[in-house]
C-alpha atoms as a PDB file:
ATOM      1  CA  MET A   1      54.481  37.789 156.103  1.00  0.00           C
ATOM      2  CA  THR A   2      54.483  41.481 156.959  1.00  0.00           C
ATOM      3  CA  VAL A   3      55.884  43.991 154.479  1.00  0.00           C
ATOM      4  CA  GLU A   4      56.903  47.375 155.803  1.00  0.00           C
ATOM      5  CA  VAL A   5      56.825  50.082 153.120  1.00  0.00           C
ATOM      6  CA  ARG A   6      58.979  53.193 153.385  1.00  0.00           C
ATOM      7  CA  PRO A   7      59.791  56.131 151.076  1.00  0.00           C
ATOM      8  CA  ALA A   8      62.947  55.733 148.985  1.00  0.00           C
ATOM      9  CA  THR A   9      65.014  58.439 150.663  1.00  0.00           C
ATOM     10  CA  ALA A  10      68.735  59.196 150.500  1.00  0.00           C
ATOM     11  CA  GLU A  11      69.583  57.057 153.526  1.00  0.00           C
ATOM     12  CA  ARG A  12      67.982  54.066 151.746  1.00  0.00           C
ATOM     13  CA  TRP A  13      69.987  54.446 148.528  1.00  0.00           C
ATOM     14  CA  ASP A  14      71.982  51.245 149.089  1.00  0.00           C
ATOM     15  CA  ASP A  15      68.729  49.311 149.529  1.00  0.00           C
ATOM     16  CA  LEU A  16      67.319  50.766 146.318  1.00  0.00           C
ATOM     17  CA  ARG A  17      70.513  49.884 144.463  1.00  0.00           C
ATOM     18  CA  ALA A  18      70.298  46.305 145.816  1.00  0.00           C
ATOM     19  CA  VAL A  19      66.831  45.968 144.270  1.00  0.00           C
ATOM     20  CA  LEU A  20      67.405  47.724 140.946  1.00  0.00           C
ATOM     21  CA  GLN A  21      70.966  46.625 140.198  1.00  0.00           C
ATOM     22  CA  PRO A  22      71.888  43.534 142.211  1.00  0.00           C
ATOM     23  CA  LYS A  23      74.667  42.889 139.657  1.00  0.00           C
ATOM     24  CA  LYS A  24      76.372  45.547 137.589  1.00  0.00           C
ATOM     25  CA  SER A  25      74.913  45.610 134.093  1.00  0.00           C
ATOM     26  CA  ALA A  26      75.092  47.964 131.137  1.00  0.00           C
ATOM     27  CA  HIS A  27      71.365  47.354 130.617  1.00  0.00           C
ATOM     28  CA  THR A  28      69.981  48.369 134.013  1.00  0.00           C
ATOM     29  CA  CYS A  29      66.934  50.599 133.540  1.00  0.00           C
ATOM     30  CA  TRP A  30      67.120  52.139 137.028  1.00  0.00           C
ATOM     31  CA  CYS A  31      63.368  52.778 136.661  1.00  0.00           C
ATOM     32  CA  MET A  32      64.121  55.730 134.422  1.00  0.00           C
ATOM     33  CA  ALA A  33      62.215  54.578 131.324  1.00  0.00           C
ATOM     34  CA  TRP A  34      59.086  56.524 132.306  1.00  0.00           C
ATOM     35  CA  ARG A  35      60.909  59.420 133.979  1.00  0.00           C
ATOM     36  CA  LEU A  36      62.954  60.447 130.928  1.00  0.00           C
ATOM     37  CA  THR A  37      62.020  61.161 127.353  1.00  0.00           C
ATOM     38  CA  THR A  38      62.632  58.222 125.035  1.00  0.00           C
ATOM     39  CA  GLY A  39      65.558  60.088 123.449  1.00  0.00           C
ATOM     40  CA  ASP A  40      67.191  60.991 126.755  1.00  0.00           C
ATOM     41  CA  TYR A  41      66.771  57.458 128.047  1.00  0.00           C
ATOM     42  CA  GLY A  42      68.382  56.010 124.919  1.00  0.00           C
ATOM     43  CA  ARG A  43      71.354  58.382 125.089  1.00  0.00           C
ATOM     44  CA  MET A  44      72.136  57.622 128.728  1.00  0.00           C
ATOM     45  CA  SER A  45      74.262  54.728 129.932  1.00  0.00           C
ATOM     46  CA  ALA A  46      73.088  52.564 132.823  1.00  0.00           C
ATOM     47  CA  ASP A  47      75.551  54.404 135.073  1.00  0.00           C
ATOM     48  CA  GLU A  48      74.096  57.763 134.016  1.00  0.00           C
ATOM     49  CA  ARG A  49      70.552  56.530 134.631  1.00  0.00           C
ATOM     50  CA  GLY A  50      71.619  55.316 138.076  1.00  0.00           C
ATOM     51  CA  ALA A  51      73.212  58.677 138.854  1.00  0.00           C
ATOM     52  CA  HIS A  52      70.021  60.436 137.736  1.00  0.00           C
ATOM     53  CA  LEU A  53      67.876  58.285 140.012  1.00  0.00           C
ATOM     54  CA  ARG A  54      70.299  58.844 142.880  1.00  0.00           C
ATOM     55  CA  SER A  55      69.984  62.619 142.424  1.00  0.00           C
ATOM     56  CA  LEU A  56      66.179  62.246 142.580  1.00  0.00           C
ATOM     57  CA  VAL A  57      66.384  60.111 145.714  1.00  0.00           C
ATOM     58  CA  GLU A  58      68.698  62.650 147.349  1.00  0.00           C
ATOM     59  CA  SER A  59      66.822  65.795 146.352  1.00  0.00           C
ATOM     60  CA  ALA A  60      63.246  65.071 145.293  1.00  0.00           C
ATOM     61  CA  ASP A  61      60.455  66.063 147.601  1.00  0.00           C
ATOM     62  CA  PRO A  62      58.558  63.812 147.680  1.00  0.00           C
ATOM     63  CA  PRO A  63      60.853  60.798 147.168  1.00  0.00           C
ATOM     64  CA  PRO A  64      60.452  59.100 143.764  1.00  0.00           C
ATOM     65  CA  GLY A  65      59.042  55.839 145.066  1.00  0.00           C
ATOM     66  CA  VAL A  66      58.775  53.379 147.919  1.00  0.00           C
ATOM     67  CA  LEU A  67      60.728  50.366 149.155  1.00  0.00           C
ATOM     68  CA  GLY A  68      59.313  47.278 150.815  1.00  0.00           C
ATOM     69  CA  TYR A  69      61.060  45.448 153.649  1.00  0.00           C
ATOM     70  CA  VAL A  70      60.498  41.973 155.059  1.00  0.00           C
ATOM     71  CA  ASP A  71      62.089  41.360 158.462  1.00  0.00           C
ATOM     72  CA  GLY A  72      64.350  44.350 157.874  1.00  0.00           C
ATOM     73  CA  GLU A  73      65.625  43.123 154.497  1.00  0.00           C
ATOM     74  CA  VAL A  74      64.784  45.118 151.375  1.00  0.00           C
ATOM     75  CA  ALA A  75      62.398  43.087 149.213  1.00  0.00           C
ATOM     76  CA  GLY A  76      61.200  45.428 146.459  1.00  0.00           C
ATOM     77  CA  TRP A  77      60.603  48.845 144.945  1.00  0.00           C
ATOM     78  CA  CYS A  78      57.660  50.697 143.422  1.00  0.00           C
ATOM     79  CA  ASN A  79      58.094  53.773 141.218  1.00  0.00           C
ATOM     80  CA  VAL A  80      55.349  56.320 141.988  1.00  0.00           C
ATOM     81  CA  ALA A  81      55.250  60.031 141.194  1.00  0.00           C
ATOM     82  CA  PRO A  82      53.018  62.766 139.847  1.00  0.00           C
ATOM     83  CA  ARG A  83      52.308  61.915 136.196  1.00  0.00           C
ATOM     84  CA  LYS A  84      53.611  65.344 135.144  1.00  0.00           C
ATOM     85  CA  HIS A  85      57.076  64.360 136.488  1.00  0.00           C
ATOM     86  CA  LEU A  86      57.242  61.278 134.268  1.00  0.00           C
ATOM     87  CA  ASP A  87      58.378  62.737 130.951  1.00  0.00           C
ATOM     88  CA  ARG A  88      57.747  59.704 128.747  1.00  0.00           C
ATOM     89  CA  LEU A  89      54.332  59.086 130.255  1.00  0.00           C
ATOM     90  CA  ALA A  90      53.377  62.771 130.110  1.00  0.00           C
ATOM     91  CA  SER A  91      54.109  62.802 126.360  1.00  0.00           C
ATOM     92  CA  SER A  92      52.719  59.328 125.578  1.00  0.00           C
ATOM     93  CA  LYS A  93      50.390  59.058 122.592  1.00  0.00           C
ATOM     94  CA  THR A  94      49.246  55.622 123.781  1.00  0.00           C
ATOM     95  CA  ILE A  95      48.539  56.242 127.468  1.00  0.00           C
ATOM     96  CA  THR A  96      46.920  59.646 127.304  1.00  0.00           C
ATOM     97  CA  PRO A  97      45.450  61.510 130.275  1.00  0.00           C
ATOM     98  CA  VAL A  98      41.868  60.662 131.113  1.00  0.00           C
ATOM     99  CA  ASP A  99      41.084  64.170 132.354  1.00  0.00           C
ATOM    100  CA  GLU A 100      42.710  67.166 134.027  1.00  0.00           C
ATOM    101  CA  VAL A 101      43.035  65.584 137.488  1.00  0.00           C
ATOM    102  CA  PRO A 102      46.706  65.855 138.595  1.00  0.00           C
ATOM    103  CA  VAL A 103      47.077  62.110 139.166  1.00  0.00           C
ATOM    104  CA  TRP A 104      50.074  60.265 140.478  1.00  0.00           C
ATOM    105  CA  SER A 105      51.245  57.254 138.460  1.00  0.00           C
ATOM    106  CA  VAL A 106      52.501  53.844 139.529  1.00  0.00           C
ATOM    107  CA  THR A 107      54.709  52.710 136.672  1.00  0.00           C
ATOM    108  CA  CYS A 108      57.005  49.991 137.912  1.00  0.00           C
ATOM    109  CA  PHE A 109      57.443  47.213 140.455  1.00  0.00           C
ATOM    110  CA  VAL A 110      60.678  45.339 141.088  1.00  0.00           C
ATOM    111  CA  VAL A 111      60.608  42.508 143.618  1.00  0.00           C
ATOM    112  CA  ARG A 112      63.788  40.651 144.492  1.00  0.00           C
ATOM    113  CA  LYS A 113      63.767  37.011 143.417  1.00  0.00           C
ATOM    114  CA  ASP A 114      63.617  35.490 146.911  1.00  0.00           C
ATOM    115  CA  PHE A 115      60.510  37.553 147.762  1.00  0.00           C
ATOM    116  CA  ARG A 116      58.394  36.964 144.644  1.00  0.00           C
ATOM    117  CA  GLY A 117      54.978  35.381 144.976  1.00  0.00           C
ATOM    118  CA  LYS A 118      54.652  36.472 148.606  1.00  0.00           C
ATOM    119  CA  GLY A 119      52.498  39.591 148.321  1.00  0.00           C
ATOM    120  CA  VAL A 120      55.342  42.122 148.213  1.00  0.00           C
ATOM    121  CA  ALA A 121      54.068  43.862 145.053  1.00  0.00           C
ATOM    122  CA  THR A 122      50.587  44.168 146.578  1.00  0.00           C
ATOM    123  CA  ALA A 123      52.058  45.739 149.727  1.00  0.00           C
ATOM    124  CA  LEU A 124      54.183  48.063 147.586  1.00  0.00           C
ATOM    125  CA  LEU A 125      51.077  49.174 145.684  1.00  0.00           C
ATOM    126  CA  GLU A 126      49.273  50.016 148.928  1.00  0.00           C
ATOM    127  CA  GLY A 127      52.388  51.805 150.164  1.00  0.00           C
ATOM    128  CA  ALA A 128      52.607  53.767 146.920  1.00  0.00           C
ATOM    129  CA  VAL A 129      48.969  54.847 147.285  1.00  0.00           C
ATOM    130  CA  GLU A 130      49.612  55.993 150.865  1.00  0.00           C
ATOM    131  CA  HIS A 131      52.798  57.791 149.774  1.00  0.00           C
ATOM    132  CA  ALA A 132      50.826  59.655 147.100  1.00  0.00           C
ATOM    133  CA  ARG A 133      47.981  60.420 149.521  1.00  0.00           C
ATOM    134  CA  ALA A 134      50.438  61.797 152.113  1.00  0.00           C
ATOM    135  CA  HIS A 135      51.718  64.227 149.474  1.00  0.00           C
ATOM    136  CA  GLY A 136      48.289  65.482 148.400  1.00  0.00           C
ATOM    137  CA  ALA A 137      47.521  63.295 145.377  1.00  0.00           C
ATOM    138  CA  PRO A 138      43.816  63.378 144.477  1.00  0.00           C
ATOM    139  CA  ALA A 139      44.075  60.047 142.607  1.00  0.00           C
ATOM    140  CA  VAL A 140      46.579  57.349 141.650  1.00  0.00           C
ATOM    141  CA  GLU A 141      46.730  55.525 138.327  1.00  0.00           C
ATOM    142  CA  GLY A 142      48.373  52.328 137.114  1.00  0.00           C
ATOM    143  CA  TYR A 143      48.824  51.018 133.572  1.00  0.00           C
ATOM    144  CA  PRO A 144      48.958  47.207 133.618  1.00  0.00           C
ATOM    145  CA  VAL A 145      48.761  45.075 130.493  1.00  0.00           C
ATOM    146  CA  ASP A 146      45.557  43.081 130.123  1.00  0.00           C
ATOM    147  CA  PRO A 147      46.571  39.433 129.614  1.00  0.00           C
ATOM    148  CA  GLU A 148      43.077  38.732 128.240  1.00  0.00           C
ATOM    149  CA  GLY A 149      42.818  35.419 130.087  1.00  0.00           C
ATOM    150  CA  ASP A 150      46.438  34.382 129.535  1.00  0.00           C
ATOM    151  CA  ARG A 151      49.412  34.752 131.840  1.00  0.00           C
ATOM    152  CA  VAL A 152      51.189  38.091 131.839  1.00  0.00           C
ATOM    153  CA  ASN A 153      54.372  37.975 129.774  1.00  0.00           C
ATOM    154  CA  PRO A 154      57.208  38.192 132.360  1.00  0.00           C
ATOM    155  CA  THR A 155      58.860  40.992 130.382  1.00  0.00           C
ATOM    156  CA  LEU A 156      55.712  43.097 130.921  1.00  0.00           C
ATOM    157  CA  ALA A 157      55.002  42.116 134.531  1.00  0.00           C
ATOM    158  CA  TYR A 158      56.962  45.090 135.888  1.00  0.00           C
ATOM    159  CA  VAL A 159      53.809  47.224 135.479  1.00  0.00           C
ATOM    160  CA  GLY A 160      51.795  45.041 137.861  1.00  0.00           C
ATOM    161  CA  THR A 161      48.729  42.992 137.087  1.00  0.00           C
ATOM    162  CA  MET A 162      45.131  43.979 136.450  1.00  0.00           C
ATOM    163  CA  GLU A 163      44.020  41.696 139.279  1.00  0.00           C
ATOM    164  CA  MET A 164      46.410  43.261 141.791  1.00  0.00           C
ATOM    165  CA  PHE A 165      45.277  46.802 140.980  1.00  0.00           C
ATOM    166  CA  GLU A 166      41.593  45.883 141.070  1.00  0.00           C
ATOM    167  CA  ARG A 167      41.983  44.087 144.421  1.00  0.00           C
ATOM    168  CA  ALA A 168      43.542  47.312 145.723  1.00  0.00           C
ATOM    169  CA  GLY A 169      40.435  49.337 144.825  1.00  0.00           C
ATOM    170  CA  PHE A 170      41.476  50.638 141.401  1.00  0.00           C
ATOM    171  CA  ARG A 171      38.796  50.802 138.719  1.00  0.00           C
ATOM    172  CA  ARG A 172      39.134  50.501 134.961  1.00  0.00           C
ATOM    173  CA  VAL A 173      38.861  53.923 133.388  1.00  0.00           C
ATOM    174  CA  LYS A 174      40.139  53.665 129.833  1.00  0.00           C
ATOM    175  CA  ARG A 175      41.425  50.948 127.537  1.00  0.00           C
ATOM    176  CA  THR A 176      44.354  51.609 125.286  1.00  0.00           C
ATOM    177  CA  GLU A 177      46.671  49.510 123.145  1.00  0.00           C
ATOM    178  CA  ALA A 178      50.251  48.762 124.106  1.00  0.00           C
ATOM    179  CA  LYS A 179      52.530  48.997 121.093  1.00  0.00           C
ATOM    180  CA  SER A 180      54.994  46.467 122.499  1.00  0.00           C
ATOM    181  CA  ASP A 181      52.943  43.340 121.918  1.00  0.00           C
ATOM    182  CA  LYS A 182      49.547  44.656 120.764  1.00  0.00           C
ATOM    183  CA  ARG A 183      47.978  43.583 124.041  1.00  0.00           C
ATOM    184  CA  HIS A 184      45.648  46.037 125.598  1.00  0.00           C
ATOM    185  CA  ARG A 185      46.667  48.205 128.471  1.00  0.00           C
ATOM    186  CA  TRP A 186      44.235  49.744 130.880  1.00  0.00           C
ATOM    187  CA  VAL A 187      44.343  52.991 132.757  1.00  0.00           C
ATOM    188  CA  LEU A 188      43.210  52.019 136.247  1.00  0.00           C
ATOM    189  CA  ARG A 189      42.490  54.688 138.827  1.00  0.00           C
ATOM    190  CA  ARG A 190      41.915  54.902 142.537  1.00  0.00           C
ATOM    191  CA  ASP A 191      40.426  58.173 143.738  1.00  0.00           C
ATOM    192  CA  LEU A 192      41.800  59.439 147.044  1.00  0.00           C
ATOM    193  CA  VAL A 193      39.519  62.422 147.698  1.00  0.00           C
END
């Protein structure tokens, strides 16, 4: 199966909406959890988060992520941006910067149900790296949870897996502890220059 990865631009808004909110829900994250402060995220409704993402898609240069397509049908999304543009990540006490390199961060994958288990997330990761490279990123980081030999809890799988990042040429840089379930998280990095 071939996955074509494209930037999430204004003309692809309906595709992005199909991935992130296939059914209207008051709980849709809209991939804003890392882009907003915790307080701002909590104060916003799902509709407000969706409107915020739409404004980013319509005005941000570069676009705030990439979409994957299989045979012309949208299959998934990957949130990727300069770390400094991700408010919650930039202020995180758990996932702190490794150094002063202005890295880009891959924080989220969403793959539509019918396309799961078919390599879409892996293709999205490669597309995210190329998107970052095309916009001058010196390095890209990801922050997957380390399952420590177990399966990844499905509620945490949105960050990608250690194995997927390592297969894509990312290296372990720093271990940290995720507060959500006390499993370890790793900062994985792929240098681009």
